Amino acid sequence: MMMIKVIFDFVLLSVANKVTFFRNVITQMTDNPNFSVPDVPLEELTLAVDAFEAAIIDARDGGHTAISIMHDLDKAVTLKYKYQAQYVDRLSNGSESLILSTGFSVSQPSTSIDKAILSVVTGPNAGSIKMLIRAIPKAGAYEWQMSPQPLPTHENVWETIGFSTQASFEHKGLTPGQFVSFRYRAITPTGVTDFCDPVTTLIN
């Protein structure tokens, strides 16, 4: 059975709803004794959300520059909350009540979605690869991970290298001649799937 984990459902929210969600997390984590030293300080999150909300207001006139700034800040603050969610996930160790005490949402064990097969192909440039899968129904986003070990045996050797809303992901900057393992999981409205079986490939 899948362990209860933090779900990154906030990546699917509208910009206005993100602000509401983000501020609630700050409120819930303030003076929370179980998460007293967060990876991203709450003061830093507050400043980021304030800037994001101001950019949303500025973008209401439809100006291209203002809209571009809003989208840039959206990506930046969302990334901070992904890091914070990983911190909560790490300390909560599968405790639903601890996760919910921070304002983040929890996944629910589900066997309705089968693991899909991951394909890893050589990218257009040296040291790049592209991961391809068949889209999972109702998936709002995908989390992509890699490990420098050909046959990873521990979770701590996996590194999240990105998220996407598409059923594909390109990663660059790898060392040619090295064997690297890759995997992914889907983020759905009801939770996250298990990670797929790892695929190991030789980087060209």
C-alpha atoms as a PDB file:
ATOM      1  CA  MET A   1       0.000   0.000   0.000  1.00  0.00           C
ATOM      2  CA  MET A   2       1.248   3.481  -0.838  1.00  0.00           C
ATOM      3  CA  MET A   3       2.393   5.614   2.123  1.00  0.00           C
ATOM      4  CA  ILE A   4       0.437   8.775   2.824  1.00  0.00           C
ATOM      5  CA  LYS A   5       2.424  11.637   1.320  1.00  0.00           C
ATOM      6  CA  VAL A   6       2.127  15.326   0.589  1.00  0.00           C
ATOM      7  CA  ILE A   7       0.472  15.951  -2.743  1.00  0.00           C
ATOM      8  CA  PHE A   8       1.479  18.837  -4.986  1.00  0.00           C
ATOM      9  CA  ASP A   9      -2.105  19.592  -5.957  1.00  0.00           C
ATOM     10  CA  PHE A  10      -1.430  23.318  -5.593  1.00  0.00           C
ATOM     11  CA  VAL A  11       0.373  23.304  -8.952  1.00  0.00           C
ATOM     12  CA  LEU A  12      -3.059  22.887 -10.580  1.00  0.00           C
ATOM     13  CA  LEU A  13      -4.655  25.911  -8.877  1.00  0.00           C
ATOM     14  CA  SER A  14      -5.406  29.226 -10.550  1.00  0.00           C
ATOM     15  CA  VAL A  15      -3.063  32.064  -9.608  1.00  0.00           C
ATOM     16  CA  ALA A  16      -5.644  33.624  -7.279  1.00  0.00           C
ATOM     17  CA  ASN A  17      -6.346  30.332  -5.532  1.00  0.00           C
ATOM     18  CA  LYS A  18      -2.620  29.692  -5.211  1.00  0.00           C
ATOM     19  CA  VAL A  19      -2.238  32.871  -3.169  1.00  0.00           C
ATOM     20  CA  THR A  20      -5.005  31.730  -0.813  1.00  0.00           C
ATOM     21  CA  PHE A  21      -3.468  28.265  -0.497  1.00  0.00           C
ATOM     22  CA  PHE A  22       0.050  29.594   0.008  1.00  0.00           C
ATOM     23  CA  ARG A  23      -0.997  32.023   2.735  1.00  0.00           C
ATOM     24  CA  ASN A  24      -2.897  29.283   4.560  1.00  0.00           C
ATOM     25  CA  VAL A  25       0.230  27.099   4.591  1.00  0.00           C
ATOM     26  CA  ILE A  26       2.192  29.977   6.117  1.00  0.00           C
ATOM     27  CA  THR A  27      -0.495  30.419   8.773  1.00  0.00           C
ATOM     28  CA  GLN A  28      -0.643  26.703   9.576  1.00  0.00           C
ATOM     29  CA  MET A  29       3.134  26.322   9.768  1.00  0.00           C
ATOM     30  CA  THR A  30       3.666  29.396  11.937  1.00  0.00           C
ATOM     31  CA  ASP A  31       4.529  28.186  15.457  1.00  0.00           C
ATOM     32  CA  ASN A  32       3.852  24.592  14.389  1.00  0.00           C
ATOM     33  CA  PRO A  33       6.076  22.648  16.836  1.00  0.00           C
ATOM     34  CA  ASN A  34       6.425  19.688  14.476  1.00  0.00           C
ATOM     35  CA  PHE A  35       7.961  21.789  11.699  1.00  0.00           C
ATOM     36  CA  SER A  36       9.969  24.409  13.559  1.00  0.00           C
ATOM     37  CA  VAL A  37      12.925  24.733  11.156  1.00  0.00           C
ATOM     38  CA  PRO A  38      11.478  24.553   7.617  1.00  0.00           C
ATOM     39  CA  ASP A  39      13.754  24.223   4.609  1.00  0.00           C
ATOM     40  CA  VAL A  40      12.274  27.454   3.256  1.00  0.00           C
ATOM     41  CA  PRO A  41      11.883  30.041   6.055  1.00  0.00           C
ATOM     42  CA  LEU A  42       8.327  31.304   6.467  1.00  0.00           C
ATOM     43  CA  GLU A  43       9.558  34.888   6.149  1.00  0.00           C
ATOM     44  CA  GLU A  44      10.950  34.017   2.707  1.00  0.00           C
ATOM     45  CA  LEU A  45       7.656  32.422   1.694  1.00  0.00           C
ATOM     46  CA  THR A  46       5.712  35.457   2.882  1.00  0.00           C
ATOM     47  CA  LEU A  47       7.847  37.856   0.826  1.00  0.00           C
ATOM     48  CA  ALA A  48       7.502  35.604  -2.235  1.00  0.00           C
ATOM     49  CA  VAL A  49       3.718  35.380  -1.912  1.00  0.00           C
ATOM     50  CA  ASP A  50       3.449  39.145  -1.363  1.00  0.00           C
ATOM     51  CA  ALA A  51       5.410  39.778  -4.565  1.00  0.00           C
ATOM     52  CA  PHE A  52       3.337  37.192  -6.456  1.00  0.00           C
ATOM     53  CA  GLU A  53       0.052  38.722  -5.322  1.00  0.00           C
ATOM     54  CA  ALA A  54       1.236  42.211  -6.282  1.00  0.00           C
ATOM     55  CA  ALA A  55       2.206  40.910  -9.719  1.00  0.00           C
ATOM     56  CA  ILE A  56      -1.257  39.379 -10.171  1.00  0.00           C
ATOM     57  CA  ILE A  57      -2.822  42.775  -9.479  1.00  0.00           C
ATOM     58  CA  ASP A  58      -0.420  44.516 -11.878  1.00  0.00           C
ATOM     59  CA  ALA A  59      -1.215  41.982 -14.610  1.00  0.00           C
ATOM     60  CA  ARG A  60      -4.938  42.768 -14.566  1.00  0.00           C
ATOM     61  CA  ASP A  61      -4.474  45.522 -17.159  1.00  0.00           C
ATOM     62  CA  GLY A  62      -3.338  42.889 -19.654  1.00  0.00           C
ATOM     63  CA  GLY A  63       0.131  44.315 -20.242  1.00  0.00           C
ATOM     64  CA  HIS A  64       2.530  41.751 -21.711  1.00  0.00           C
ATOM     65  CA  THR A  65       5.394  42.683 -19.400  1.00  0.00           C
ATOM     66  CA  ALA A  66       3.224  42.551 -16.284  1.00  0.00           C
ATOM     67  CA  ILE A  67       1.771  39.188 -17.307  1.00  0.00           C
ATOM     68  CA  SER A  68       5.262  37.800 -17.989  1.00  0.00           C
ATOM     69  CA  ILE A  69       6.440  38.967 -14.557  1.00  0.00           C
ATOM     70  CA  MET A  70       3.401  37.339 -12.951  1.00  0.00           C
ATOM     71  CA  HIS A  71       4.138  34.007 -14.634  1.00  0.00           C
ATOM     72  CA  ASP A  72       7.807  34.184 -13.621  1.00  0.00           C
ATOM     73  CA  LEU A  73       6.874  34.824  -9.994  1.00  0.00           C
ATOM     74  CA  ASP A  74       4.251  32.066 -10.170  1.00  0.00           C
ATOM     75  CA  LYS A  75       6.948  29.569 -11.133  1.00  0.00           C
ATOM     76  CA  ALA A  76       9.341  30.878  -8.490  1.00  0.00           C
ATOM     77  CA  VAL A  77       6.920  30.797  -5.552  1.00  0.00           C
ATOM     78  CA  THR A  78       5.447  27.454  -6.619  1.00  0.00           C
ATOM     79  CA  LEU A  79       8.947  25.970  -6.644  1.00  0.00           C
ATOM     80  CA  LYS A  80       9.519  27.231  -3.097  1.00  0.00           C
ATOM     81  CA  TYR A  81       6.337  25.492  -1.985  1.00  0.00           C
ATOM     82  CA  LYS A  82       7.405  22.269  -3.679  1.00  0.00           C
ATOM     83  CA  TYR A  83      10.588  22.390  -1.606  1.00  0.00           C
ATOM     84  CA  GLN A  84       8.536  23.122   1.508  1.00  0.00           C
ATOM     85  CA  ALA A  85       6.190  20.235   0.713  1.00  0.00           C
ATOM     86  CA  GLN A  86       9.173  17.897   0.437  1.00  0.00           C
ATOM     87  CA  TYR A  87      10.349  19.091   3.857  1.00  0.00           C
ATOM     88  CA  VAL A  88       6.903  18.382   5.357  1.00  0.00           C
ATOM     89  CA  ASP A  89       6.854  15.003   3.626  1.00  0.00           C
ATOM     90  CA  ARG A  90      10.248  14.107   5.078  1.00  0.00           C
ATOM     91  CA  LEU A  91       9.424  15.036   8.665  1.00  0.00           C
ATOM     92  CA  SER A  92       5.865  13.713   8.702  1.00  0.00           C
ATOM     93  CA  ASN A  93       6.960  10.182   7.721  1.00  0.00           C
ATOM     94  CA  GLY A  94       3.523   9.257   6.401  1.00  0.00           C
ATOM     95  CA  SER A  95       1.471  10.833   9.207  1.00  0.00           C
ATOM     96  CA  GLU A  96      -1.715  12.241   7.698  1.00  0.00           C
ATOM     97  CA  SER A  97      -2.462  14.431  10.724  1.00  0.00           C
ATOM     98  CA  LEU A  98       1.001  15.994  10.674  1.00  0.00           C
ATOM     99  CA  ILE A  99       0.772  16.777   6.974  1.00  0.00           C
ATOM    100  CA  LEU A 100      -2.695  18.299   7.305  1.00  0.00           C
ATOM    101  CA  SER A 101      -1.488  20.460  10.212  1.00  0.00           C
ATOM    102  CA  THR A 102       0.686  22.371   7.729  1.00  0.00           C
ATOM    103  CA  GLY A 103      -2.074  23.213   5.277  1.00  0.00           C
ATOM    104  CA  PHE A 104      -0.751  20.887   2.584  1.00  0.00           C
ATOM    105  CA  SER A 105      -2.963  18.166   1.118  1.00  0.00           C
ATOM    106  CA  VAL A 106      -2.360  14.439   1.461  1.00  0.00           C
ATOM    107  CA  SER A 107      -2.448  11.648  -1.055  1.00  0.00           C
ATOM    108  CA  GLN A 108      -4.777   8.710  -0.638  1.00  0.00           C
ATOM    109  CA  PRO A 109      -3.686   5.134  -1.348  1.00  0.00           C
ATOM    110  CA  SER A 110      -5.015   4.086  -4.701  1.00  0.00           C
ATOM    111  CA  THR A 111      -4.647   1.040  -6.888  1.00  0.00           C
ATOM    112  CA  SER A 112      -6.877   2.353  -9.672  1.00  0.00           C
ATOM    113  CA  ILE A 113      -3.941   3.635 -11.735  1.00  0.00           C
ATOM    114  CA  ASP A 114      -1.453   1.097 -13.021  1.00  0.00           C
ATOM    115  CA  LYS A 115       2.172   1.958 -13.446  1.00  0.00           C
ATOM    116  CA  ALA A 116       2.898   2.985 -16.999  1.00  0.00           C
ATOM    117  CA  ILE A 117       6.013   2.099 -18.936  1.00  0.00           C
ATOM    118  CA  LEU A 118       8.686   4.772 -19.134  1.00  0.00           C
ATOM    119  CA  SER A 119      10.818   5.200 -22.251  1.00  0.00           C
ATOM    120  CA  VAL A 120      14.082   7.113 -22.143  1.00  0.00           C
ATOM    121  CA  VAL A 121      15.558   8.224 -25.473  1.00  0.00           C
ATOM    122  CA  THR A 122      18.641  10.199 -26.442  1.00  0.00           C
ATOM    123  CA  GLY A 123      18.030  13.938 -26.622  1.00  0.00           C
ATOM    124  CA  PRO A 124      18.997  16.326 -29.423  1.00  0.00           C
ATOM    125  CA  ASN A 125      22.289  17.321 -27.766  1.00  0.00           C
ATOM    126  CA  ALA A 126      25.126  15.472 -26.056  1.00  0.00           C
ATOM    127  CA  GLY A 127      24.306  14.781 -22.426  1.00  0.00           C
ATOM    128  CA  SER A 128      20.565  15.152 -22.882  1.00  0.00           C
ATOM    129  CA  ILE A 129      17.716  12.664 -22.669  1.00  0.00           C
ATOM    130  CA  LYS A 130      13.965  12.739 -23.131  1.00  0.00           C
ATOM    131  CA  MET A 131      11.541  10.719 -21.036  1.00  0.00           C
ATOM    132  CA  LEU A 132       8.314   9.641 -22.691  1.00  0.00           C
ATOM    133  CA  ILE A 133       5.214   7.978 -21.242  1.00  0.00           C
ATOM    134  CA  ARG A 134       1.613   7.396 -22.147  1.00  0.00           C
ATOM    135  CA  ALA A 135      -0.475  10.108 -20.500  1.00  0.00           C
ATOM    136  CA  ILE A 136      -2.259   8.980 -17.337  1.00  0.00           C
ATOM    137  CA  PRO A 137      -5.976   9.867 -17.165  1.00  0.00           C
ATOM    138  CA  LYS A 138      -6.728  12.906 -14.962  1.00  0.00           C
ATOM    139  CA  ALA A 139      -3.043  13.516 -14.244  1.00  0.00           C
ATOM    140  CA  GLY A 140      -2.494  17.230 -13.729  1.00  0.00           C
ATOM    141  CA  ALA A 141       1.276  16.996 -13.489  1.00  0.00           C
ATOM    142  CA  TYR A 142       4.181  14.570 -13.471  1.00  0.00           C
ATOM    143  CA  GLU A 143       7.218  14.425 -11.181  1.00  0.00           C
ATOM    144  CA  TRP A 144      10.460  13.248 -12.819  1.00  0.00           C
ATOM    145  CA  GLN A 145      13.422  11.828 -10.895  1.00  0.00           C
ATOM    146  CA  MET A 146      16.909  10.533 -11.651  1.00  0.00           C
ATOM    147  CA  SER A 147      19.599   8.597  -9.814  1.00  0.00           C
ATOM    148  CA  PRO A 148      23.301   8.333 -10.696  1.00  0.00           C
ATOM    149  CA  GLN A 149      23.179   4.680  -9.668  1.00  0.00           C
ATOM    150  CA  PRO A 150      22.386   2.094 -12.365  1.00  0.00           C
ATOM    151  CA  LEU A 151      20.428  -0.050  -9.896  1.00  0.00           C
ATOM    152  CA  PRO A 152      19.157   2.246  -7.112  1.00  0.00           C
ATOM    153  CA  THR A 153      18.348   0.412  -3.900  1.00  0.00           C
ATOM    154  CA  HIS A 154      17.532   3.339  -1.585  1.00  0.00           C
ATOM    155  CA  GLU A 155      15.097   6.224  -1.849  1.00  0.00           C
ATOM    156  CA  ASN A 156      17.707   8.761  -0.784  1.00  0.00           C
ATOM    157  CA  VAL A 157      19.653   8.309  -4.031  1.00  0.00           C
ATOM    158  CA  TRP A 158      16.764   9.701  -6.080  1.00  0.00           C
ATOM    159  CA  GLU A 159      16.655  13.381  -7.012  1.00  0.00           C
ATOM    160  CA  THR A 160      13.642  15.241  -8.369  1.00  0.00           C
ATOM    161  CA  ILE A 161      14.790  16.956 -11.561  1.00  0.00           C
ATOM    162  CA  GLY A 162      11.538  18.599 -12.537  1.00  0.00           C
ATOM    163  CA  PHE A 163       7.788  18.667 -12.955  1.00  0.00           C
ATOM    164  CA  SER A 164       5.689  18.946 -16.093  1.00  0.00           C
ATOM    165  CA  THR A 165       2.084  18.970 -17.185  1.00  0.00           C
ATOM    166  CA  GLN A 166       3.012  17.035 -20.329  1.00  0.00           C
ATOM    167  CA  ALA A 167       3.642  13.280 -20.535  1.00  0.00           C
ATOM    168  CA  SER A 168       7.258  13.912 -21.490  1.00  0.00           C
ATOM    169  CA  PHE A 169      10.285  15.620 -19.992  1.00  0.00           C
ATOM    170  CA  GLU A 170      13.709  16.586 -21.328  1.00  0.00           C
ATOM    171  CA  HIS A 171      16.773  16.783 -19.096  1.00  0.00           C
ATOM    172  CA  LYS A 172      20.167  18.208 -20.042  1.00  0.00           C
ATOM    173  CA  GLY A 173      23.647  18.522 -18.596  1.00  0.00           C
ATOM    174  CA  LEU A 174      24.298  14.822 -18.040  1.00  0.00           C
ATOM    175  CA  THR A 175      27.725  13.237 -18.402  1.00  0.00           C
ATOM    176  CA  PRO A 176      28.147  11.153 -21.594  1.00  0.00           C
ATOM    177  CA  GLY A 177      29.271   7.596 -20.926  1.00  0.00           C
ATOM    178  CA  GLN A 178      27.526   7.422 -17.551  1.00  0.00           C
ATOM    179  CA  PHE A 179      24.677   5.047 -16.707  1.00  0.00           C
ATOM    180  CA  VAL A 180      21.787   6.926 -15.100  1.00  0.00           C
ATOM    181  CA  SER A 181      18.405   5.701 -13.836  1.00  0.00           C
ATOM    182  CA  PHE A 182      15.118   7.563 -14.291  1.00  0.00           C
ATOM    183  CA  ARG A 183      11.565   7.258 -13.015  1.00  0.00           C
ATOM    184  CA  TYR A 184       8.383   9.315 -12.693  1.00  0.00           C
ATOM    185  CA  ARG A 185       5.042   9.461 -10.952  1.00  0.00           C
ATOM    186  CA  ALA A 186       1.783  11.213 -11.757  1.00  0.00           C
ATOM    187  CA  ILE A 187      -0.010  13.805  -9.630  1.00  0.00           C
ATOM    188  CA  THR A 188      -3.789  13.456  -9.863  1.00  0.00           C
ATOM    189  CA  PRO A 189      -6.751  15.133  -8.111  1.00  0.00           C
ATOM    190  CA  THR A 190      -7.022  12.131  -5.769  1.00  0.00           C
ATOM    191  CA  GLY A 191      -3.351  11.643  -4.970  1.00  0.00           C
ATOM    192  CA  VAL A 192      -0.034  10.578  -6.417  1.00  0.00           C
ATOM    193  CA  THR A 193       0.695   7.285  -8.128  1.00  0.00           C
ATOM    194  CA  ASP A 194       3.564   5.033  -7.190  1.00  0.00           C
ATOM    195  CA  PHE A 195       6.804   5.727  -9.027  1.00  0.00           C
ATOM    196  CA  CYS A 196       7.188   3.636 -12.152  1.00  0.00           C
ATOM    197  CA  ASP A 197       9.829   0.940 -12.388  1.00  0.00           C
ATOM    198  CA  PRO A 198      13.222   2.641 -12.942  1.00  0.00           C
ATOM    199  CA  VAL A 199      14.748   2.714 -16.411  1.00  0.00           C
ATOM    200  CA  THR A 200      18.541   2.792 -16.703  1.00  0.00           C
ATOM    201  CA  THR A 201      20.178   4.197 -19.825  1.00  0.00           C
ATOM    202  CA  LEU A 202      23.651   5.051 -21.079  1.00  0.00           C
ATOM    203  CA  ILE A 203      24.043   8.778 -21.621  1.00  0.00           C
ATOM    204  CA  ASN A 204      25.333   9.712 -25.079  1.00  0.00           C
END
